[in-house]
């Protein structure tokens, strides 16, 4: 499972869901029953399929930002008034939100399968339907 930043998640989700929305609008307004433009419909939905496939394997952790903090610890010997040890620790923190992982995996897989079936039907129209 891959951890995505918020920017990656928005870009992948935008492309994927825009393709699903365009598919719904085109099927409802102008049902594709002819061979013309079947290839164009298949090509324009292929980025949505790729992005939906990436979202299938996304983990539930979406990272907002990374924060690195450095802590320096100085230990003094008060009797001798000298520095005994000096240590520096770097702590990496991430702000993230967590999605309900199994639910979104299945939702994205369902949309992915719908897009694959639609493109398969379009390819069959190209190959089998007379002009």
Protein backbone atom coordinates (compact mmCIF):
# COMPACT_ATOMS: atom_id res chain seq x y z
CA UNK A 1 0.00 0.00 0.00
CA UNK A 2 1.26 3.43 -0.92
CA UNK A 3 1.13 6.54 1.24
CA UNK A 4 0.19 9.59 -0.84
CA UNK A 5 0.55 13.25 -0.07
CA UNK A 6 -2.57 15.38 -0.17
CA UNK A 7 -1.55 16.86 -3.54
CA UNK A 8 -1.10 13.43 -5.13
CA UNK A 9 -4.38 12.26 -3.68
CA UNK A 10 -6.25 15.28 -5.05
CA UNK A 11 -4.69 14.96 -8.53
CA UNK A 12 -5.29 11.21 -8.80
CA UNK A 13 -8.80 11.51 -7.39
CA UNK A 14 -9.65 14.46 -9.63
CA UNK A 15 -8.59 12.68 -12.81
CA UNK A 16 -10.22 9.40 -11.81
CA UNK A 17 -13.56 10.84 -10.70
CA UNK A 18 -13.68 13.30 -13.61
CA UNK A 19 -13.46 10.31 -15.95
CA UNK A 20 -16.28 8.55 -14.12
CA UNK A 21 -18.40 11.72 -14.24
CA UNK A 22 -17.72 12.19 -17.95
CA UNK A 23 -18.64 8.55 -18.54
CA UNK A 24 -21.97 9.00 -16.74
CA UNK A 25 -22.79 12.21 -18.59
CA UNK A 26 -21.89 10.81 -21.99
CA UNK A 27 -23.87 7.61 -21.43
CA UNK A 28 -26.94 9.50 -20.19
CA UNK A 29 -26.98 12.31 -22.77
CA UNK A 30 -25.63 10.59 -25.87
CA UNK A 31 -25.51 6.80 -25.56
CA UNK A 32 -22.57 5.49 -27.60
CA UNK A 33 -24.18 3.06 -30.06
CA UNK A 34 -22.10 3.78 -33.13
CA UNK A 35 -18.55 3.02 -34.10
CA UNK A 36 -17.57 6.64 -34.61
CA UNK A 37 -15.65 8.18 -31.71
CA UNK A 38 -15.42 4.84 -29.86
CA UNK A 39 -11.64 5.02 -30.06
CA UNK A 40 -11.59 8.58 -28.77
CA UNK A 41 -13.83 7.64 -25.84
CA UNK A 42 -11.48 4.78 -24.99
CA UNK A 43 -8.37 6.96 -25.16
CA UNK A 44 -9.85 9.77 -23.09
CA UNK A 45 -10.82 7.38 -20.28
CA UNK A 46 -7.43 5.66 -20.05
CA UNK A 47 -5.89 8.28 -17.65
CA UNK A 48 -8.90 7.79 -15.39
CA UNK A 49 -8.29 4.05 -15.37
CA UNK A 50 -4.64 4.53 -14.44
CA UNK A 51 -5.46 6.98 -11.64
CA UNK A 52 -8.26 4.75 -10.35
CA UNK A 53 -5.77 1.86 -10.28
CA UNK A 54 -3.40 4.01 -8.22
CA UNK A 55 -6.19 4.85 -5.80
CA UNK A 56 -7.02 1.15 -5.37
CA UNK A 57 -3.59 0.56 -3.87
CA UNK A 58 -3.51 3.72 -1.75
CA UNK A 59 -3.22 3.14 1.94
CA UNK A 60 -5.51 4.96 4.30
CA UNK A 61 -2.83 7.47 5.31
CA UNK A 62 -3.00 10.76 3.42
CA UNK A 63 -0.14 13.04 4.48
CA UNK A 64 -0.76 16.74 4.85
CA UNK A 65 2.75 17.96 5.73
CA UNK A 66 6.02 16.87 7.27
CA UNK A 67 7.56 18.59 10.26
CA UNK A 68 11.14 18.07 11.42
CA UNK A 69 12.03 19.32 14.88
CA UNK A 70 15.50 19.27 16.35
CA UNK A 71 16.06 18.96 20.08
CA UNK A 72 19.46 19.72 21.56
CA UNK A 73 20.21 18.47 25.05
CA UNK A 74 23.09 20.00 26.99
CA UNK A 75 24.21 18.34 30.23
CA UNK A 76 26.23 20.46 32.64
CA UNK A 77 28.19 19.42 35.67
CA UNK A 78 27.17 22.11 38.09
CA UNK A 79 29.96 21.41 40.52
CA UNK A 80 32.65 22.03 37.89
CA UNK A 81 30.48 24.34 35.76
CA UNK A 82 31.45 22.50 32.55
CA UNK A 83 29.62 20.87 29.69
CA UNK A 84 29.54 17.08 30.16
CA UNK A 85 27.62 15.99 27.07
CA UNK A 86 25.84 17.45 24.08
CA UNK A 87 23.24 15.45 22.12
CA UNK A 88 21.01 16.43 19.23
CA UNK A 89 17.83 14.52 18.30
CA UNK A 90 15.80 15.08 15.15
CA UNK A 91 12.13 14.11 15.32
CA UNK A 92 10.06 13.76 12.15
CA UNK A 93 6.33 14.30 12.55
CA UNK A 94 3.62 14.09 9.92
CA UNK A 95 0.18 15.60 9.89
CA UNK A 96 -2.12 13.14 8.18
CA UNK A 97 -5.68 11.99 8.05
CA UNK A 98 -6.71 8.38 7.82
CA UNK A 99 -9.32 7.03 5.42
CA UNK A 100 -11.38 3.95 6.14
CA UNK A 101 -9.09 1.79 4.02
CA UNK A 102 -11.22 -1.26 3.10
CA UNK A 103 -14.22 0.81 2.05
CA UNK A 104 -12.34 3.08 -0.35
CA UNK A 105 -10.40 0.20 -1.85
CA UNK A 106 -13.63 -1.53 -2.88
CA UNK A 107 -15.22 1.70 -4.14
CA UNK A 108 -12.22 2.45 -6.34
CA UNK A 109 -12.09 -1.16 -7.52
CA UNK A 110 -15.75 -0.96 -8.54
CA UNK A 111 -15.19 2.22 -10.55
CA UNK A 112 -12.06 0.68 -12.07
CA UNK A 113 -14.03 -2.35 -13.25
CA UNK A 114 -16.81 -0.15 -14.68
CA UNK A 115 -14.25 1.81 -16.70
CA UNK A 116 -12.53 -1.37 -17.94
CA UNK A 117 -15.85 -2.90 -19.05
CA UNK A 118 -16.84 0.32 -20.82
CA UNK A 119 -13.56 0.47 -22.73
CA UNK A 120 -13.85 -3.23 -23.58
CA UNK A 121 -17.32 -2.58 -25.04
CA UNK A 122 -15.96 0.35 -27.03
CA UNK A 123 -13.17 -1.83 -28.47
CA UNK A 124 -15.74 -4.46 -29.42
CA UNK A 125 -17.78 -1.76 -31.19
CA UNK A 126 -14.72 -0.74 -33.17
CA UNK A 127 -13.95 -4.30 -34.19
CA UNK A 128 -17.40 -5.80 -34.74
CA UNK A 129 -19.89 -3.07 -35.63
CA UNK A 130 -20.17 -2.03 -39.27
CA UNK A 131 -19.88 1.68 -40.04
